[in-house]
Amino acid sequence: QVQLGESGGGLVQPGGSLRLSCAASGTSFFGIYVWKWYRQAPGKQRELVASITRGDSTNYADAVKDRFIISRDNAKNTVYLQMNSLKPEDTATYYCNILRGATNYWGKGTLVTVSS
């Protein structure tokens, strides 16, 4: 059974940094075509933040470009989201998502709050 576990969320001041992690179990690295980070703020729709493919192609939402970096550790079957220069509008629950074959899998999310 494929499971995703996010960690690393918390409270941070504007301008600060956080690194989110998402570990996948029940699947090997080779079975995952693309890893994605989404976020959902209260009262808003879930939006795609960043993605990285098995071939290391990355993509970012305009709102986080040049501030966030997605990366992957194949040996640990883990994807990371380094978030820098955080803004209050980055406050949201962040979700990890993988596409394995034709199936999408989701984590339960980790809350990031940016506030002074």
PDB file of N, CA and C in Angstrom:
ATOM      1  N   GLN A   1       0.843  -1.182   0.000  1.00  0.00           N
ATOM      2  CA  GLN A   1       0.000   0.000   0.000  1.00  0.00           C
ATOM      3  C   GLN A   1       0.889   1.246   0.000  1.00  0.00           C
ATOM      4  N   VAL A   2       0.632   2.127  -0.948  1.00  0.00           N
ATOM      5  CA  VAL A   2       1.422   3.347  -1.057  1.00  0.00           C
ATOM      6  C   VAL A   2       0.954   4.363  -0.023  1.00  0.00           C
ATOM      7  N   GLN A   3       1.898   4.925   0.706  1.00  0.00           N
ATOM      8  CA  GLN A   3       1.582   5.970   1.685  1.00  0.00           C
ATOM      9  C   GLN A   3       2.592   7.093   1.567  1.00  0.00           C
ATOM     10  N   LEU A   4       2.095   8.297   1.809  1.00  0.00           N
ATOM     11  CA  LEU A   4       2.936   9.488   1.807  1.00  0.00           C
ATOM     12  C   LEU A   4       2.849  10.155   3.164  1.00  0.00           C
ATOM     13  N   GLY A   5       3.999  10.564   3.685  1.00  0.00           N
ATOM     14  CA  GLY A   5       4.008  11.225   4.984  1.00  0.00           C
ATOM     15  C   GLY A   5       4.771  12.533   4.913  1.00  0.00           C
ATOM     16  N   GLU A   6       4.048  13.656   5.102  1.00  0.00           N
ATOM     17  CA  GLU A   6       4.686  14.968   5.085  1.00  0.00           C
ATOM     18  C   GLU A   6       5.131  15.365   6.485  1.00  0.00           C
ATOM     19  N   SER A   7       6.159  16.196   6.536  1.00  0.00           N
ATOM     20  CA  SER A   7       6.626  16.752   7.799  1.00  0.00           C
ATOM     21  C   SER A   7       7.342  18.059   7.517  1.00  0.00           C
ATOM     22  N   GLY A   8       7.596  18.806   8.583  1.00  0.00           N
ATOM     23  CA  GLY A   8       8.381  20.030   8.447  1.00  0.00           C
ATOM     24  C   GLY A   8       7.592  21.318   8.539  1.00  0.00           C
ATOM     25  N   GLY A   9       6.280  21.231   8.623  1.00  0.00           N
ATOM     26  CA  GLY A   9       5.490  22.442   8.736  1.00  0.00           C
ATOM     27  C   GLY A   9       5.624  23.074  10.111  1.00  0.00           C
ATOM     28  N   GLY A  10       5.090  24.277  10.225  1.00  0.00           N
ATOM     29  CA  GLY A  10       5.143  24.964  11.509  1.00  0.00           C
ATOM     30  C   GLY A  10       4.885  26.440  11.351  1.00  0.00           C
ATOM     31  N   LEU A  11       5.181  27.168  12.404  1.00  0.00           N
ATOM     32  CA  LEU A  11       5.016  28.626  12.442  1.00  0.00           C
ATOM     33  C   LEU A  11       6.357  29.285  12.159  1.00  0.00           C
ATOM     34  N   VAL A  12       6.351  30.227  11.226  1.00  0.00           N
ATOM     35  CA  VAL A  12       7.575  30.942  10.877  1.00  0.00           C
ATOM     36  C   VAL A  12       7.243  32.400  10.623  1.00  0.00           C
ATOM     37  N   GLN A  13       8.189  33.269  10.906  1.00  0.00           N
ATOM     38  CA  GLN A  13       7.978  34.693  10.671  1.00  0.00           C
ATOM     39  C   GLN A  13       8.157  35.029   9.191  1.00  0.00           C
ATOM     40  N   PRO A  14       7.522  36.096   8.745  1.00  0.00           N
ATOM     41  CA  PRO A  14       7.743  36.531   7.349  1.00  0.00           C
ATOM     42  C   PRO A  14       9.227  36.723   7.075  1.00  0.00           C
ATOM     43  N   GLY A  15       9.641  36.261   5.906  1.00  0.00           N
ATOM     44  CA  GLY A  15      11.051  36.314   5.542  1.00  0.00           C
ATOM     45  C   GLY A  15      11.836  35.082   5.946  1.00  0.00           C
ATOM     46  N   GLY A  16      11.228  34.230   6.738  1.00  0.00           N
ATOM     47  CA  GLY A  16      11.912  33.031   7.213  1.00  0.00           C
ATOM     48  C   GLY A  16      11.858  31.893   6.217  1.00  0.00           C
ATOM     49  N   SER A  17      12.406  30.743   6.641  1.00  0.00           N
ATOM     50  CA  SER A  17      12.488  29.564   5.776  1.00  0.00           C
ATOM     51  C   SER A  17      11.991  28.321   6.498  1.00  0.00           C
ATOM     52  N   LEU A  18      11.505  27.391   5.709  1.00  0.00           N
ATOM     53  CA  LEU A  18      11.120  26.059   6.190  1.00  0.00           C
ATOM     54  C   LEU A  18      11.466  25.056   5.108  1.00  0.00           C
ATOM     55  N   ARG A  19      11.714  23.828   5.526  1.00  0.00           N
ATOM     56  CA  ARG A  19      11.896  22.753   4.567  1.00  0.00           C
ATOM     57  C   ARG A  19      10.892  21.649   4.864  1.00  0.00           C
ATOM     58  N   LEU A  20      10.048  21.385   3.906  1.00  0.00           N
ATOM     59  CA  LEU A  20       9.071  20.308   4.023  1.00  0.00           C
ATOM     60  C   LEU A  20       9.654  19.027   3.430  1.00  0.00           C
ATOM     61  N   SER A  21       9.263  17.913   4.032  1.00  0.00           N
ATOM     62  CA  SER A  21       9.677  16.604   3.525  1.00  0.00           C
ATOM     63  C   SER A  21       8.448  15.750   3.270  1.00  0.00           C
ATOM     64  N   CYS A  22       8.573  14.878   2.290  1.00  0.00           N
ATOM     65  CA  CYS A  22       7.505  13.918   2.001  1.00  0.00           C
ATOM     66  C   CYS A  22       8.163  12.584   1.686  1.00  0.00           C
ATOM     67  N   ALA A  23       7.938  11.614   2.555  1.00  0.00           N
ATOM     68  CA  ALA A  23       8.508  10.289   2.370  1.00  0.00           C
ATOM     69  C   ALA A  23       7.441   9.338   1.833  1.00  0.00           C
ATOM     70  N   ALA A  24       7.816   8.582   0.810  1.00  0.00           N
ATOM     71  CA  ALA A  24       6.894   7.618   0.215  1.00  0.00           C
ATOM     72  C   ALA A  24       7.255   6.213   0.663  1.00  0.00           C
ATOM     73  N   SER A  25       6.258   5.447   1.021  1.00  0.00           N
ATOM     74  CA  SER A  25       6.460   4.035   1.352  1.00  0.00           C
ATOM     75  C   SER A  25       5.508   3.191   0.516  1.00  0.00           C
ATOM     76  N   GLY A  26       5.882   1.927   0.343  1.00  0.00           N
ATOM     77  CA  GLY A  26       5.038   1.035  -0.445  1.00  0.00           C
ATOM     78  C   GLY A  26       5.275   1.125  -1.936  1.00  0.00           C
ATOM     79  N   THR A  27       6.295   1.881  -2.320  1.00  0.00           N
ATOM     80  CA  THR A  27       6.638   2.005  -3.730  1.00  0.00           C
ATOM     81  C   THR A  27       8.110   2.360  -3.832  1.00  0.00           C
ATOM     82  N   SER A  28       8.700   1.967  -4.941  1.00  0.00           N
ATOM     83  CA  SER A  28      10.088   2.349  -5.173  1.00  0.00           C
ATOM     84  C   SER A  28      10.131   3.652  -5.948  1.00  0.00           C
ATOM     85  N   PHE A  29      11.300   4.246  -5.963  1.00  0.00           N
ATOM     86  CA  PHE A  29      11.503   5.483  -6.719  1.00  0.00           C
ATOM     87  C   PHE A  29      11.142   5.290  -8.183  1.00  0.00           C
ATOM     88  N   PHE A  30      11.454   4.121  -8.723  1.00  0.00           N
ATOM     89  CA  PHE A  30      11.272   3.895 -10.149  1.00  0.00           C
ATOM     90  C   PHE A  30       9.805   3.862 -10.547  1.00  0.00           C
ATOM     91  N   GLY A  31       8.938   3.634  -9.542  1.00  0.00           N
ATOM     92  CA  GLY A  31       7.522   3.561  -9.861  1.00  0.00           C
ATOM     93  C   GLY A  31       6.818   4.899  -9.884  1.00  0.00           C
ATOM     94  N   ILE A  32       7.543   5.946  -9.462  1.00  0.00           N
ATOM     95  CA  ILE A  32       6.921   7.264  -9.349  1.00  0.00           C
ATOM     96  C   ILE A  32       7.323   8.118 -10.542  1.00  0.00           C
ATOM     97  N   TYR A  33       6.338   8.545 -11.292  1.00  0.00           N
ATOM     98  CA  TYR A  33       6.635   9.351 -12.469  1.00  0.00           C
ATOM     99  C   TYR A  33       6.879  10.808 -12.112  1.00  0.00           C
ATOM    100  N   VAL A  34       6.051  11.369 -11.211  1.00  0.00           N
ATOM    101  CA  VAL A  34       6.202  12.768 -10.838  1.00  0.00           C
ATOM    102  C   VAL A  34       5.777  12.966  -9.383  1.00  0.00           C
ATOM    103  N   TRP A  35       6.522  13.804  -8.701  1.00  0.00           N
ATOM    104  CA  TRP A  35       6.200  14.246  -7.346  1.00  0.00           C
ATOM    105  C   TRP A  35       5.690  15.686  -7.430  1.00  0.00           C
ATOM    106  N   LYS A  36       4.685  15.974  -6.636  1.00  0.00           N
ATOM    107  CA  LYS A  36       4.159  17.337  -6.627  1.00  0.00           C
ATOM    108  C   LYS A  36       3.900  17.790  -5.197  1.00  0.00           C
ATOM    109  N   TRP A  37       4.016  19.090  -4.994  1.00  0.00           N
ATOM    110  CA  TRP A  37       3.555  19.748  -3.769  1.00  0.00           C
ATOM    111  C   TRP A  37       2.393  20.654  -4.146  1.00  0.00           C
ATOM    112  N   TYR A  38       1.302  20.508  -3.415  1.00  0.00           N
ATOM    113  CA  TYR A  38       0.151  21.383  -3.525  1.00  0.00           C
ATOM    114  C   TYR A  38      -0.017  22.112  -2.190  1.00  0.00           C
ATOM    115  N   ARG A  39      -0.817  23.150  -2.210  1.00  0.00           N
ATOM    116  CA  ARG A  39      -1.180  23.817  -0.963  1.00  0.00           C
ATOM    117  C   ARG A  39      -2.630  24.280  -1.042  1.00  0.00           C
ATOM    118  N   GLN A  40      -3.219  24.396   0.136  1.00  0.00           N
ATOM    119  CA  GLN A  40      -4.592  24.863   0.216  1.00  0.00           C
ATOM    120  C   GLN A  40      -4.718  25.777   1.417  1.00  0.00           C
ATOM    121  N   ALA A  41      -5.027  27.026   1.126  1.00  0.00           N
ATOM    122  CA  ALA A  41      -5.258  28.010   2.182  1.00  0.00           C
ATOM    123  C   ALA A  41      -6.729  27.961   2.581  1.00  0.00           C
ATOM    124  N   PRO A  42      -7.034  28.405   3.795  1.00  0.00           N
ATOM    125  CA  PRO A  42      -8.431  28.393   4.248  1.00  0.00           C
ATOM    126  C   PRO A  42      -9.334  29.163   3.282  1.00  0.00           C
ATOM    127  N   GLY A  43     -10.420  28.525   2.862  1.00  0.00           N
ATOM    128  CA  GLY A  43     -11.378  29.174   1.982  1.00  0.00           C
ATOM    129  C   GLY A  43     -10.968  29.245   0.533  1.00  0.00           C
ATOM    130  N   LYS A  44      -9.837  28.621   0.195  1.00  0.00           N
ATOM    131  CA  LYS A  44      -9.358  28.677  -1.186  1.00  0.00           C
ATOM    132  C   LYS A  44      -9.212  27.280  -1.767  1.00  0.00           C
ATOM    133  N   GLN A  45      -9.113  27.217  -3.084  1.00  0.00           N
ATOM    134  CA  GLN A  45      -8.922  25.938  -3.755  1.00  0.00           C
ATOM    135  C   GLN A  45      -7.477  25.467  -3.619  1.00  0.00           C
ATOM    136  N   ARG A  46      -7.308  24.169  -3.701  1.00  0.00           N
ATOM    137  CA  ARG A  46      -5.967  23.599  -3.669  1.00  0.00           C
ATOM    138  C   ARG A  46      -5.241  24.005  -4.951  1.00  0.00           C
ATOM    139  N   GLU A  47      -3.981  24.394  -4.802  1.00  0.00           N
ATOM    140  CA  GLU A  47      -3.224  24.825  -5.958  1.00  0.00           C
ATOM    141  C   GLU A  47      -1.878  24.120  -6.011  1.00  0.00           C
ATOM    142  N   LEU A  48      -1.404  23.919  -7.226  1.00  0.00           N
ATOM    143  CA  LEU A  48      -0.111  23.293  -7.429  1.00  0.00           C
ATOM    144  C   LEU A  48       1.003  24.298  -7.133  1.00  0.00           C
ATOM    145  N   VAL A  49       1.959  23.873  -6.340  1.00  0.00           N
ATOM    146  CA  VAL A  49       3.074  24.737  -5.957  1.00  0.00           C
ATOM    147  C   VAL A  49       4.328  24.411  -6.766  1.00  0.00           C
ATOM    148  N   ALA A  50       4.675  23.126  -6.815  1.00  0.00           N
ATOM    149  CA  ALA A  50       5.902  22.715  -7.495  1.00  0.00           C
ATOM    150  C   ALA A  50       5.814  21.245  -7.853  1.00  0.00           C
ATOM    151  N   SER A  51       6.606  20.865  -8.853  1.00  0.00           N
ATOM    152  CA  SER A  51       6.639  19.466  -9.257  1.00  0.00           C
ATOM    153  C   SER A  51       8.041  19.102  -9.730  1.00  0.00           C
ATOM    154  N   ILE A  52       8.351  17.809  -9.625  1.00  0.00           N
ATOM    155  CA  ILE A  52       9.614  17.290 -10.133  1.00  0.00           C
ATOM    156  C   ILE A  52       9.354  15.911 -10.709  1.00  0.00           C
ATOM    157  N   THR A  53       9.838  15.698 -11.920  1.00  0.00           N
ATOM    158  CA  THR A  53       9.598  14.423 -12.578  1.00  0.00           C
ATOM    159  C   THR A  53      10.734  13.441 -12.302  1.00  0.00           C
ATOM    160  N   ARG A  54      10.529  12.226 -12.738  1.00  0.00           N
ATOM    161  CA  ARG A  54      11.550  11.201 -12.569  1.00  0.00           C
ATOM    162  C   ARG A  54      12.819  11.579 -13.332  1.00  0.00           C
ATOM    163  N   GLY A  55      12.643  12.397 -14.357  1.00  0.00           N
ATOM    164  CA  GLY A  55      13.789  12.869 -15.121  1.00  0.00           C
ATOM    165  C   GLY A  55      14.356  14.179 -14.606  1.00  0.00           C
ATOM    166  N   ASP A  56      13.926  14.596 -13.413  1.00  0.00           N
ATOM    167  CA  ASP A  56      14.429  15.804 -12.739  1.00  0.00           C
ATOM    168  C   ASP A  56      13.992  17.102 -13.390  1.00  0.00           C
ATOM    169  N   SER A  57      12.944  17.067 -14.156  1.00  0.00           N
ATOM    170  CA  SER A  57      12.384  18.301 -14.687  1.00  0.00           C
ATOM    171  C   SER A  57      11.506  18.931 -13.611  1.00  0.00           C
ATOM    172  N   THR A  58      11.732  20.215 -13.334  1.00  0.00           N
ATOM    173  CA  THR A  58      10.985  20.889 -12.268  1.00  0.00           C
ATOM    174  C   THR A  58      10.101  21.990 -12.846  1.00  0.00           C
ATOM    175  N   ASN A  59       9.066  22.294 -12.089  1.00  0.00           N
ATOM    176  CA  ASN A  59       8.141  23.355 -12.478  1.00  0.00           C
ATOM    177  C   ASN A  59       7.617  24.009 -11.220  1.00  0.00           C
ATOM    178  N   TYR A  60       7.374  25.318 -11.286  1.00  0.00           N
ATOM    179  CA  TYR A  60       6.937  26.069 -10.115  1.00  0.00           C
ATOM    180  C   TYR A  60       5.784  26.995 -10.472  1.00  0.00           C
ATOM    181  N   ALA A  61       4.913  27.212  -9.501  1.00  0.00           N
ATOM    182  CA  ALA A  61       3.887  28.231  -9.653  1.00  0.00           C
ATOM    183  C   ALA A  61       4.564  29.599  -9.649  1.00  0.00           C
ATOM    184  N   ASP A  62       3.991  30.532 -10.368  1.00  0.00           N
ATOM    185  CA  ASP A  62       4.583  31.877 -10.441  1.00  0.00           C
ATOM    186  C   ASP A  62       4.735  32.505  -9.058  1.00  0.00           C
ATOM    187  N   ALA A  63       3.807  32.202  -8.167  1.00  0.00           N
ATOM    188  CA  ALA A  63       3.804  32.827  -6.844  1.00  0.00           C
ATOM    189  C   ALA A  63       4.995  32.410  -5.981  1.00  0.00           C
ATOM    190  N   VAL A  64       5.625  31.280  -6.319  1.00  0.00           N
ATOM    191  CA  VAL A  64       6.722  30.781  -5.486  1.00  0.00           C
ATOM    192  C   VAL A  64       8.041  30.709  -6.235  1.00  0.00           C
ATOM    193  N   LYS A  65       8.001  31.020  -7.508  1.00  0.00           N
ATOM    194  CA  LYS A  65       9.212  30.939  -8.321  1.00  0.00           C
ATOM    195  C   LYS A  65      10.297  31.816  -7.715  1.00  0.00           C
ATOM    196  N   ASP A  66      11.514  31.339  -7.709  1.00  0.00           N
ATOM    197  CA  ASP A  66      12.682  32.030  -7.156  1.00  0.00           C
ATOM    198  C   ASP A  66      12.706  32.063  -5.632  1.00  0.00           C
ATOM    199  N   ARG A  67      11.695  31.488  -4.980  1.00  0.00           N
ATOM    200  CA  ARG A  67      11.696  31.412  -3.512  1.00  0.00           C
ATOM    201  C   ARG A  67      11.688  29.966  -3.018  1.00  0.00           C
ATOM    202  N   PHE A  68      11.025  29.089  -3.741  1.00  0.00           N
ATOM    203  CA  PHE A  68      10.900  27.689  -3.337  1.00  0.00           C
ATOM    204  C   PHE A  68      11.749  26.809  -4.253  1.00  0.00           C
ATOM    205  N   ILE A  69      12.260  25.732  -3.682  1.00  0.00           N
ATOM    206  CA  ILE A  69      13.041  24.769  -4.459  1.00  0.00           C
ATOM    207  C   ILE A  69      12.562  23.362  -4.137  1.00  0.00           C
ATOM    208  N   ILE A  70      12.199  22.617  -5.168  1.00  0.00           N
ATOM    209  CA  ILE A  70      11.805  21.219  -4.983  1.00  0.00           C
ATOM    210  C   ILE A  70      12.994  20.337  -5.335  1.00  0.00           C
ATOM    211  N   SER A  71      13.197  19.300  -4.529  1.00  0.00           N
ATOM    212  CA  SER A  71      14.298  18.380  -4.781  1.00  0.00           C
ATOM    213  C   SER A  71      13.893  16.996  -4.310  1.00  0.00           C
ATOM    214  N   ARG A  72      14.750  16.032  -4.649  1.00  0.00           N
ATOM    215  CA  ARG A  72      14.379  14.647  -4.373  1.00  0.00           C
ATOM    216  C   ARG A  72      15.604  13.857  -3.952  1.00  0.00           C
ATOM    217  N   ASP A  73      15.422  12.959  -2.989  1.00  0.00           N
ATOM    218  CA  ASP A  73      16.471  12.030  -2.578  1.00  0.00           C
ATOM    219  C   ASP A  73      15.982  10.634  -2.941  1.00  0.00           C
ATOM    220  N   ASN A  74      16.530  10.091  -4.017  1.00  0.00           N
ATOM    221  CA  ASN A  74      16.044   8.790  -4.493  1.00  0.00           C
ATOM    222  C   ASN A  74      16.295   7.675  -3.488  1.00  0.00           C
ATOM    223  N   ALA A  75      17.432   7.738  -2.833  1.00  0.00           N
ATOM    224  CA  ALA A  75      17.788   6.683  -1.882  1.00  0.00           C
ATOM    225  C   ALA A  75      16.813   6.641  -0.711  1.00  0.00           C
ATOM    226  N   LYS A  76      16.294   7.792  -0.346  1.00  0.00           N
ATOM    227  CA  LYS A  76      15.363   7.867   0.775  1.00  0.00           C
ATOM    228  C   LYS A  76      13.909   7.875   0.309  1.00  0.00           C
ATOM    229  N   ASN A  77      13.708   7.870  -1.010  1.00  0.00           N
ATOM    230  CA  ASN A  77      12.348   7.929  -1.553  1.00  0.00           C
ATOM    231  C   ASN A  77      11.578   9.104  -0.961  1.00  0.00           C
ATOM    232  N   THR A  78      12.248  10.239  -0.944  1.00  0.00           N
ATOM    233  CA  THR A  78      11.728  11.426  -0.278  1.00  0.00           C
ATOM    234  C   THR A  78      11.864  12.637  -1.191  1.00  0.00           C
ATOM    235  N   VAL A  79      10.864  13.493  -1.152  1.00  0.00           N
ATOM    236  CA  VAL A  79      10.925  14.759  -1.874  1.00  0.00           C
ATOM    237  C   VAL A  79      10.876  15.889  -0.860  1.00  0.00           C
ATOM    238  N   TYR A  80      11.545  16.979  -1.185  1.00  0.00           N
ATOM    239  CA  TYR A  80      11.640  18.114  -0.283  1.00  0.00           C
ATOM    240  C   TYR A  80      11.102  19.367  -0.966  1.00  0.00           C
ATOM    241  N   LEU A  81      10.658  20.298  -0.133  1.00  0.00           N
ATOM    242  CA  LEU A  81      10.306  21.621  -0.630  1.00  0.00           C
ATOM    243  C   LEU A  81      10.981  22.634   0.286  1.00  0.00           C
ATOM    244  N   GLN A  82      12.040  23.241  -0.214  1.00  0.00           N
ATOM    245  CA  GLN A  82      12.729  24.291   0.529  1.00  0.00           C
ATOM    246  C   GLN A  82      12.005  25.596   0.248  1.00  0.00           C
ATOM    247  N   MET A  83      11.508  26.216   1.299  1.00  0.00           N
ATOM    248  CA  MET A  83      10.728  27.441   1.161  1.00  0.00           C
ATOM    249  C   MET A  83      11.471  28.585   1.811  1.00  0.00           C
ATOM    250  N   ASN A  84      11.849  29.571   1.032  1.00  0.00           N
ATOM    251  CA  ASN A  84      12.599  30.724   1.511  1.00  0.00           C
ATOM    252  C   ASN A  84      11.779  31.995   1.327  1.00  0.00           C
ATOM    253  N   SER A  85      12.186  33.024   2.027  1.00  0.00           N
ATOM    254  CA  SER A  85      11.516  34.330   1.921  1.00  0.00           C
ATOM    255  C   SER A  85      10.010  34.169   2.048  1.00  0.00           C
ATOM    256  N   LEU A  86       9.597  33.466   3.066  1.00  0.00           N
ATOM    257  CA  LEU A  86       8.175  33.162   3.216  1.00  0.00           C
ATOM    258  C   LEU A  86       7.359  34.418   3.481  1.00  0.00           C
ATOM    259  N   LYS A  87       6.147  34.400   2.941  1.00  0.00           N
ATOM    260  CA  LYS A  87       5.227  35.531   3.060  1.00  0.00           C
ATOM    261  C   LYS A  87       3.948  35.048   3.754  1.00  0.00           C
ATOM    262  N   PRO A  88       3.208  35.955   4.367  1.00  0.00           N
ATOM    263  CA  PRO A  88       1.951  35.550   5.004  1.00  0.00           C
ATOM    264  C   PRO A  88       1.013  34.818   4.032  1.00  0.00           C
ATOM    265  N   GLU A  89       1.053  35.175   2.769  1.00  0.00           N
ATOM    266  CA  GLU A  89       0.176  34.524   1.786  1.00  0.00           C
ATOM    267  C   GLU A  89       0.613  33.098   1.446  1.00  0.00           C
ATOM    268  N   ASP A  90       1.748  32.671   1.967  1.00  0.00           N
ATOM    269  CA  ASP A  90       2.164  31.276   1.814  1.00  0.00           C
ATOM    270  C   ASP A  90       1.517  30.374   2.864  1.00  0.00           C
ATOM    271  N   THR A  91       0.817  30.977   3.810  1.00  0.00           N
ATOM    272  CA  THR A  91       0.143  30.196   4.849  1.00  0.00           C
ATOM    273  C   THR A  91      -0.881  29.259   4.225  1.00  0.00           C
ATOM    274  N   ALA A  92      -0.735  27.968   4.512  1.00  0.00           N
ATOM    275  CA  ALA A  92      -1.611  26.962   3.917  1.00  0.00           C
ATOM    276  C   ALA A  92      -1.236  25.595   4.466  1.00  0.00           C
ATOM    277  N   THR A  93      -2.086  24.627   4.190  1.00  0.00           N
ATOM    278  CA  THR A  93      -1.705  23.243   4.406  1.00  0.00           C
ATOM    279  C   THR A  93      -1.069  22.747   3.113  1.00  0.00           C
ATOM    280  N   TYR A  94       0.106  22.177   3.236  1.00  0.00           N
ATOM    281  CA  TYR A  94       0.868  21.707   2.082  1.00  0.00           C
ATOM    282  C   TYR A  94       0.735  20.192   1.965  1.00  0.00           C
ATOM    283  N   TYR A  95       0.410  19.753   0.762  1.00  0.00           N
ATOM    284  CA  TYR A  95       0.162  18.338   0.498  1.00  0.00           C
ATOM    285  C   TYR A  95       1.156  17.800  -0.526  1.00  0.00           C
ATOM    286  N   CYS A  96       1.606  16.607  -0.258  1.00  0.00           N
ATOM    287  CA  CYS A  96       2.466  15.893  -1.195  1.00  0.00           C
ATOM    288  C   CYS A  96       1.588  14.998  -2.068  1.00  0.00           C
ATOM    289  N   ASN A  97       1.978  14.885  -3.317  1.00  0.00           N
ATOM    290  CA  ASN A  97       1.213  14.073  -4.269  1.00  0.00           C
ATOM    291  C   ASN A  97       2.191  13.355  -5.192  1.00  0.00           C
ATOM    292  N   ILE A  98       1.916  12.086  -5.475  1.00  0.00           N
ATOM    293  CA  ILE A  98       2.710  11.373  -6.463  1.00  0.00           C
ATOM    294  C   ILE A  98       1.803  10.719  -7.492  1.00  0.00           C
ATOM    295  N   LEU A  99       2.317  10.617  -8.689  1.00  0.00           N
ATOM    296  CA  LEU A  99       1.642   9.886  -9.749  1.00  0.00           C
ATOM    297  C   LEU A  99       2.425   8.599  -9.975  1.00  0.00           C
ATOM    298  N   ARG A 100       1.783   7.485  -9.701  1.00  0.00           N
ATOM    299  CA  ARG A 100       2.416   6.178  -9.851  1.00  0.00           C
ATOM    300  C   ARG A 100       1.537   5.375 -10.801  1.00  0.00           C
ATOM    301  N   GLY A 101       2.048   5.134 -11.965  1.00  0.00           N
ATOM    302  CA  GLY A 101       1.214   4.521 -12.983  1.00  0.00           C
ATOM    303  C   GLY A 101       0.114   5.489 -13.356  1.00  0.00           C
ATOM    304  N   ALA A 102      -1.118   5.079 -13.223  1.00  0.00           N
ATOM    305  CA  ALA A 102      -2.259   5.944 -13.531  1.00  0.00           C
ATOM    306  C   ALA A 102      -2.952   6.423 -12.269  1.00  0.00           C
ATOM    307  N   THR A 103      -2.315   6.231 -11.115  1.00  0.00           N
ATOM    308  CA  THR A 103      -2.962   6.536  -9.842  1.00  0.00           C
ATOM    309  C   THR A 103      -2.255   7.675  -9.122  1.00  0.00           C
ATOM    310  N   ASN A 104      -3.057   8.607  -8.627  1.00  0.00           N
ATOM    311  CA  ASN A 104      -2.552   9.691  -7.782  1.00  0.00           C
ATOM    312  C   ASN A 104      -2.674   9.304  -6.318  1.00  0.00           C
ATOM    313  N   TYR A 105      -1.640   9.598  -5.560  1.00  0.00           N
ATOM    314  CA  TYR A 105      -1.655   9.367  -4.123  1.00  0.00           C
ATOM    315  C   TYR A 105      -1.393  10.687  -3.410  1.00  0.00           C
ATOM    316  N   TRP A 106      -2.056  10.845  -2.265  1.00  0.00           N
ATOM    317  CA  TRP A 106      -1.956  12.085  -1.494  1.00  0.00           C
ATOM    318  C   TRP A 106      -1.527  11.802  -0.068  1.00  0.00           C
ATOM    319  N   GLY A 107      -0.744  12.751   0.466  1.00  0.00           N
ATOM    320  CA  GLY A 107      -0.469  12.721   1.888  1.00  0.00           C
ATOM    321  C   GLY A 107      -1.569  13.447   2.643  1.00  0.00           C
ATOM    322  N   LYS A 108      -1.440  13.476   3.979  1.00  0.00           N
ATOM    323  CA  LYS A 108      -2.465  14.113   4.799  1.00  0.00           C
ATOM    324  C   LYS A 108      -2.215  15.600   4.994  1.00  0.00           C
ATOM    325  N   GLY A 109      -1.033  16.061   4.613  1.00  0.00           N
ATOM    326  CA  GLY A 109      -0.748  17.479   4.666  1.00  0.00           C
ATOM    327  C   GLY A 109       0.008  17.906   5.907  1.00  0.00           C
ATOM    328  N   THR A 110       0.701  19.033   5.776  1.00  0.00           N
ATOM    329  CA  THR A 110       1.394  19.644   6.896  1.00  0.00           C
ATOM    330  C   THR A 110       1.131  21.142   6.841  1.00  0.00           C
ATOM    331  N   LEU A 111       0.810  21.717   8.002  1.00  0.00           N
ATOM    332  CA  LEU A 111       0.394  23.111   8.069  1.00  0.00           C
ATOM    333  C   LEU A 111       1.593  24.037   8.171  1.00  0.00           C
ATOM    334  N   VAL A 112       1.604  25.041   7.311  1.00  0.00           N
ATOM    335  CA  VAL A 112       2.610  26.098   7.354  1.00  0.00           C
ATOM    336  C   VAL A 112       1.899  27.415   7.654  1.00  0.00           C
ATOM    337  N   THR A 113       2.338  28.077   8.697  1.00  0.00           N
ATOM    338  CA  THR A 113       1.770  29.365   9.073  1.00  0.00           C
ATOM    339  C   THR A 113       2.871  30.408   9.083  1.00  0.00           C
ATOM    340  N   VAL A 114       2.676  31.446   8.289  1.00  0.00           N
ATOM    341  CA  VAL A 114       3.660  32.530   8.204  1.00  0.00           C
ATOM    342  C   VAL A 114       3.043  33.760   8.860  1.00  0.00           C
ATOM    343  N   SER A 115       3.567  34.128  10.008  1.00  0.00           N
ATOM    344  CA  SER A 115       2.976  35.214  10.769  1.00  0.00           C
ATOM    345  C   SER A 115       3.988  35.775  11.744  1.00  0.00           C
ATOM    346  N   SER A 116       3.863  37.071  12.006  1.00  0.00           N
ATOM    347  CA  SER A 116       4.726  37.692  12.999  1.00  0.00           C
ATOM    348  C   SER A 116       4.014  37.726  14.356  1.00  0.00           C
TER     349      SER A 116
END
